Amino acid sequence: MGFNGFMISTRPPQPLHGVLADGQRRGVFLPAETELMAHNPMVLAHSWALKNWRLTPTFTLEEYVENQLAMVLRSLLPPESWPDCPSRIKKYRPRRQPRRR
């Protein structure tokens, strides 16, 4: 049983865990703790859901996803394969000025 009667999953997200483990076996991804790496995208998604009120003055949802995806991919891929990443994640954009409401 989990927190306040809710079931808390202690297993990693299976589809993503499998992809990461297979990629590591094939040498596509750097060695890393696959359970933690599979958990990270869920944490990032939860961060937007919980803190978008804080992030929306600086980022749109699309910019948030783009920047988080770049960080996740750069943590998984060896540096020599970064040029093969889609152009939108090759470099980070500077933070834009907060929107005025």
N, C-alpha and C. Protein backbone atom coordinates (compact mmCIF):
# COMPACT_ATOMS: atom_id res chain seq x y z
N MET A 1 0.84 -1.17 0.00
CA MET A 1 0.00 0.00 0.00
C MET A 1 0.89 1.23 0.00
N GLY A 2 0.35 2.31 -0.44
CA GLY A 2 1.14 3.52 -0.56
C GLY A 2 0.64 4.65 0.30
N PHE A 3 0.94 5.83 -0.09
CA PHE A 3 0.62 7.06 0.60
C PHE A 3 -0.88 7.32 0.58
N ASN A 4 -1.49 7.52 1.75
CA ASN A 4 -2.93 7.82 1.86
C ASN A 4 -3.82 6.82 1.12
N GLY A 5 -3.45 5.58 1.10
CA GLY A 5 -4.28 4.56 0.48
C GLY A 5 -4.06 4.39 -1.00
N PHE A 6 -3.25 5.24 -1.63
CA PHE A 6 -2.96 5.11 -3.05
C PHE A 6 -1.84 4.10 -3.24
N MET A 7 -1.95 3.34 -4.30
CA MET A 7 -0.87 2.41 -4.62
C MET A 7 0.29 3.20 -5.24
N ILE A 8 1.47 2.97 -4.76
CA ILE A 8 2.65 3.62 -5.29
C ILE A 8 3.46 2.57 -6.03
N SER A 9 3.69 2.83 -7.30
CA SER A 9 4.45 1.89 -8.10
C SER A 9 5.94 2.01 -7.78
N THR A 10 6.55 0.89 -7.53
CA THR A 10 7.99 0.87 -7.28
C THR A 10 8.74 0.30 -8.47
N ARG A 11 7.99 -0.06 -9.51
CA ARG A 11 8.62 -0.61 -10.71
C ARG A 11 8.89 0.51 -11.70
N PRO A 12 9.97 0.41 -12.49
CA PRO A 12 10.24 1.43 -13.50
C PRO A 12 9.22 1.33 -14.63
N PRO A 13 9.02 2.42 -15.38
CA PRO A 13 8.14 2.36 -16.54
C PRO A 13 8.68 1.33 -17.53
N GLN A 14 7.99 0.24 -17.72
CA GLN A 14 8.52 -0.89 -18.49
C GLN A 14 8.89 -0.59 -19.93
N PRO A 15 8.04 0.08 -20.73
CA PRO A 15 8.46 0.29 -22.13
C PRO A 15 9.75 1.10 -22.24
N LEU A 16 9.85 2.18 -21.50
CA LEU A 16 11.04 3.02 -21.57
C LEU A 16 12.25 2.30 -20.97
N HIS A 17 12.05 1.59 -19.89
CA HIS A 17 13.13 0.82 -19.27
C HIS A 17 13.70 -0.18 -20.27
N GLY A 18 12.82 -0.86 -20.99
CA GLY A 18 13.26 -1.84 -21.98
C GLY A 18 14.05 -1.20 -23.11
N VAL A 19 13.60 -0.05 -23.59
CA VAL A 19 14.29 0.66 -24.67
C VAL A 19 15.68 1.09 -24.19
N LEU A 20 15.76 1.63 -22.99
CA LEU A 20 17.05 2.07 -22.45
C LEU A 20 18.01 0.90 -22.27
N ALA A 21 17.51 -0.19 -21.69
CA ALA A 21 18.36 -1.36 -21.47
C ALA A 21 18.86 -1.94 -22.80
N ASP A 22 17.97 -2.01 -23.79
CA ASP A 22 18.35 -2.53 -25.10
C ASP A 22 19.38 -1.60 -25.76
N GLY A 23 19.16 -0.29 -25.65
CA GLY A 23 20.10 0.67 -26.22
C GLY A 23 21.47 0.59 -25.58
N GLN A 24 21.50 0.32 -24.28
CA GLN A 24 22.79 0.16 -23.60
C GLN A 24 23.48 -1.12 -24.06
N ARG A 25 22.72 -2.21 -24.19
CA ARG A 25 23.32 -3.47 -24.66
C ARG A 25 23.91 -3.31 -26.06
N ARG A 26 23.24 -2.51 -26.90
CA ARG A 26 23.69 -2.32 -28.28
C ARG A 26 24.77 -1.25 -28.40
N GLY A 27 25.06 -0.55 -27.32
CA GLY A 27 26.09 0.48 -27.34
C GLY A 27 25.60 1.83 -27.86
N VAL A 28 24.29 1.99 -28.01
CA VAL A 28 23.74 3.27 -28.48
C VAL A 28 23.74 4.28 -27.34
N PHE A 29 23.37 3.83 -26.15
CA PHE A 29 23.31 4.72 -24.98
C PHE A 29 24.50 4.47 -24.07
N LEU A 30 24.88 5.50 -23.36
CA LEU A 30 25.95 5.38 -22.37
C LEU A 30 25.48 4.50 -21.21
N PRO A 31 26.40 3.83 -20.53
CA PRO A 31 26.01 3.06 -19.35
C PRO A 31 25.42 4.00 -18.30
N ALA A 32 24.30 3.61 -17.75
CA ALA A 32 23.63 4.40 -16.72
C ALA A 32 22.65 3.49 -15.99
N GLU A 33 22.16 3.95 -14.91
CA GLU A 33 21.16 3.21 -14.15
C GLU A 33 19.83 3.34 -14.89
N THR A 34 19.43 2.26 -15.57
CA THR A 34 18.24 2.34 -16.43
C THR A 34 16.97 2.64 -15.65
N GLU A 35 16.85 2.14 -14.46
CA GLU A 35 15.64 2.41 -13.68
C GLU A 35 15.50 3.90 -13.40
N LEU A 36 16.60 4.54 -13.05
CA LEU A 36 16.58 5.97 -12.78
C LEU A 36 16.34 6.77 -14.06
N MET A 37 17.01 6.37 -15.14
CA MET A 37 16.83 7.07 -16.41
C MET A 37 15.42 6.92 -16.94
N ALA A 38 14.78 5.79 -16.71
CA ALA A 38 13.39 5.61 -17.14
C ALA A 38 12.44 6.43 -16.28
N HIS A 39 12.83 6.68 -15.06
CA HIS A 39 11.99 7.44 -14.13
C HIS A 39 12.07 8.96 -14.41
N ASN A 40 13.22 9.43 -14.89
CA ASN A 40 13.43 10.86 -15.08
C ASN A 40 12.39 11.56 -15.96
N PRO A 41 12.02 11.02 -17.14
CA PRO A 41 11.01 11.72 -17.95
C PRO A 41 9.67 11.88 -17.22
N MET A 42 9.31 10.91 -16.40
CA MET A 42 8.06 11.04 -15.62
C MET A 42 8.18 12.17 -14.62
N VAL A 43 9.34 12.28 -13.99
CA VAL A 43 9.57 13.36 -13.03
C VAL A 43 9.49 14.71 -13.73
N LEU A 44 10.09 14.81 -14.92
CA LEU A 44 10.07 16.05 -15.67
C LEU A 44 8.65 16.43 -16.07
N ALA A 45 7.86 15.45 -16.48
CA ALA A 45 6.46 15.73 -16.82
C ALA A 45 5.68 16.18 -15.59
N HIS A 46 5.93 15.56 -14.47
CA HIS A 46 5.26 15.96 -13.24
C HIS A 46 5.67 17.37 -12.84
N SER A 47 6.92 17.73 -13.09
CA SER A 47 7.40 19.07 -12.75
C SER A 47 6.59 20.13 -13.49
N TRP A 48 6.33 19.89 -14.78
CA TRP A 48 5.53 20.86 -15.53
C TRP A 48 4.11 20.90 -14.96
N ALA A 49 3.56 19.74 -14.69
CA ALA A 49 2.19 19.70 -14.18
C ALA A 49 2.06 20.43 -12.85
N LEU A 50 3.07 20.31 -12.01
CA LEU A 50 3.01 20.92 -10.68
C LEU A 50 3.51 22.36 -10.64
N LYS A 51 4.43 22.71 -11.51
CA LYS A 51 5.08 24.02 -11.42
C LYS A 51 4.94 24.88 -12.68
N ASN A 52 3.96 24.57 -13.55
CA ASN A 52 3.86 25.37 -14.77
C ASN A 52 3.56 26.83 -14.48
N TRP A 53 2.91 27.09 -13.36
CA TRP A 53 2.63 28.48 -12.97
C TRP A 53 3.92 29.26 -12.79
N ARG A 54 4.98 28.58 -12.38
CA ARG A 54 6.28 29.23 -12.18
C ARG A 54 7.08 29.31 -13.48
N LEU A 55 6.88 28.33 -14.36
CA LEU A 55 7.68 28.24 -15.57
C LEU A 55 7.09 28.99 -16.76
N THR A 56 5.77 29.17 -16.82
CA THR A 56 5.15 29.79 -17.99
C THR A 56 5.56 31.23 -18.24
N PRO A 57 6.00 32.00 -17.25
CA PRO A 57 6.49 33.33 -17.62
C PRO A 57 7.76 33.28 -18.47
N THR A 58 8.47 32.17 -18.44
CA THR A 58 9.74 32.05 -19.16
C THR A 58 9.67 31.08 -20.33
N PHE A 59 8.92 29.98 -20.18
CA PHE A 59 8.86 28.93 -21.20
C PHE A 59 7.44 28.61 -21.59
N THR A 60 7.23 28.30 -22.87
CA THR A 60 5.98 27.66 -23.27
C THR A 60 6.14 26.17 -22.98
N LEU A 61 5.07 25.43 -23.06
CA LEU A 61 5.16 23.99 -22.87
C LEU A 61 6.10 23.38 -23.90
N GLU A 62 6.01 23.83 -25.14
CA GLU A 62 6.86 23.30 -26.20
C GLU A 62 8.34 23.57 -25.91
N GLU A 63 8.66 24.76 -25.43
CA GLU A 63 10.05 25.08 -25.09
C GLU A 63 10.54 24.25 -23.91
N TYR A 64 9.68 24.04 -22.95
CA TYR A 64 10.03 23.21 -21.79
C TYR A 64 10.36 21.80 -22.25
N VAL A 65 9.49 21.22 -23.07
CA VAL A 65 9.70 19.85 -23.56
C VAL A 65 10.98 19.79 -24.39
N GLU A 66 11.19 20.77 -25.26
CA GLU A 66 12.37 20.79 -26.12
C GLU A 66 13.66 20.83 -25.29
N ASN A 67 13.70 21.68 -24.29
CA ASN A 67 14.90 21.80 -23.47
C ASN A 67 15.11 20.58 -22.58
N GLN A 68 14.04 20.04 -22.01
CA GLN A 68 14.17 18.85 -21.17
C GLN A 68 14.59 17.64 -22.01
N LEU A 69 14.03 17.53 -23.22
CA LEU A 69 14.42 16.44 -24.12
C LEU A 69 15.90 16.53 -24.46
N ALA A 70 16.38 17.74 -24.72
CA ALA A 70 17.81 17.92 -25.02
C ALA A 70 18.66 17.45 -23.86
N MET A 71 18.28 17.80 -22.64
CA MET A 71 19.07 17.37 -21.48
C MET A 71 19.03 15.85 -21.30
N VAL A 72 17.87 15.25 -21.49
CA VAL A 72 17.76 13.79 -21.34
C VAL A 72 18.61 13.09 -22.40
N LEU A 73 18.48 13.52 -23.66
CA LEU A 73 19.23 12.87 -24.73
C LEU A 73 20.74 13.05 -24.55
N ARG A 74 21.16 14.23 -24.14
CA ARG A 74 22.59 14.45 -23.94
C ARG A 74 23.14 13.63 -22.77
N SER A 75 22.28 13.26 -21.84
CA SER A 75 22.75 12.41 -20.74
C SER A 75 22.82 10.95 -21.15
N LEU A 76 22.11 10.58 -22.21
CA LEU A 76 22.08 9.19 -22.67
C LEU A 76 23.06 8.90 -23.80
N LEU A 77 23.26 9.88 -24.67
CA LEU A 77 24.05 9.66 -25.88
C LEU A 77 25.50 10.10 -25.69
N PRO A 78 26.44 9.36 -26.27
CA PRO A 78 27.83 9.80 -26.22
C PRO A 78 27.97 11.12 -27.00
N PRO A 79 28.89 11.99 -26.58
CA PRO A 79 29.02 13.29 -27.23
C PRO A 79 29.20 13.23 -28.75
N GLU A 80 29.86 12.19 -29.24
CA GLU A 80 30.07 12.11 -30.69
C GLU A 80 28.77 11.92 -31.47
N SER A 81 27.69 11.50 -30.82
CA SER A 81 26.43 11.34 -31.54
C SER A 81 25.51 12.55 -31.38
N TRP A 82 25.92 13.56 -30.64
CA TRP A 82 25.09 14.76 -30.50
C TRP A 82 24.81 15.44 -31.83
N PRO A 83 25.78 15.50 -32.77
CA PRO A 83 25.44 16.15 -34.04
C PRO A 83 24.32 15.43 -34.80
N ASP A 84 24.08 14.15 -34.49
CA ASP A 84 23.02 13.41 -35.16
C ASP A 84 21.65 13.70 -34.57
N CYS A 85 21.60 14.39 -33.43
CA CYS A 85 20.33 14.74 -32.82
C CYS A 85 19.61 15.76 -33.71
N PRO A 86 18.30 15.77 -33.66
CA PRO A 86 17.57 16.80 -34.42
C PRO A 86 18.10 18.19 -34.09
N SER A 87 18.09 19.07 -35.06
CA SER A 87 18.71 20.39 -34.90
C SER A 87 18.12 21.17 -33.73
N ARG A 88 16.87 20.92 -33.41
CA ARG A 88 16.26 21.71 -32.34
C ARG A 88 16.86 21.41 -30.97
N ILE A 89 17.62 20.31 -30.84
CA ILE A 89 18.20 20.03 -29.53
C ILE A 89 19.72 20.09 -29.55
N LYS A 90 20.31 20.62 -30.60
CA LYS A 90 21.76 20.72 -30.65
C LYS A 90 22.28 21.74 -29.65
N LYS A 91 21.55 22.79 -29.45
CA LYS A 91 22.00 23.82 -28.51
C LYS A 91 20.79 24.39 -27.79
N TYR A 92 21.05 24.94 -26.65
CA TYR A 92 19.99 25.55 -25.87
C TYR A 92 19.82 26.99 -26.30
N ARG A 93 18.59 27.43 -26.32
CA ARG A 93 18.32 28.83 -26.60
C ARG A 93 18.49 29.62 -25.31
N PRO A 94 18.90 30.87 -25.42
CA PRO A 94 18.95 31.67 -24.20
C PRO A 94 17.54 31.89 -23.66
N ARG A 95 17.45 32.06 -22.39
CA ARG A 95 16.14 32.30 -21.78
C ARG A 95 15.58 33.59 -22.32
N ARG A 96 14.32 33.55 -22.67
CA ARG A 96 13.68 34.77 -23.16
C ARG A 96 13.12 35.57 -21.99
N GLN A 97 12.82 36.79 -22.27
CA GLN A 97 12.28 37.66 -21.24
C GLN A 97 10.89 37.18 -20.85
N PRO A 98 10.56 37.25 -19.55
CA PRO A 98 9.21 36.84 -19.14
C PRO A 98 8.14 37.63 -19.88
N ARG A 99 7.05 36.92 -20.19
CA ARG A 99 5.91 37.57 -20.85
C ARG A 99 5.22 38.50 -19.89
N ARG A 100 4.80 39.61 -20.40
CA ARG A 100 4.01 40.55 -19.57
C ARG A 100 2.55 40.20 -19.74
N ARG A 101 1.84 40.24 -18.65
CA ARG A 101 0.41 39.89 -18.70
C ARG A 101 -0.43 41.12 -18.57
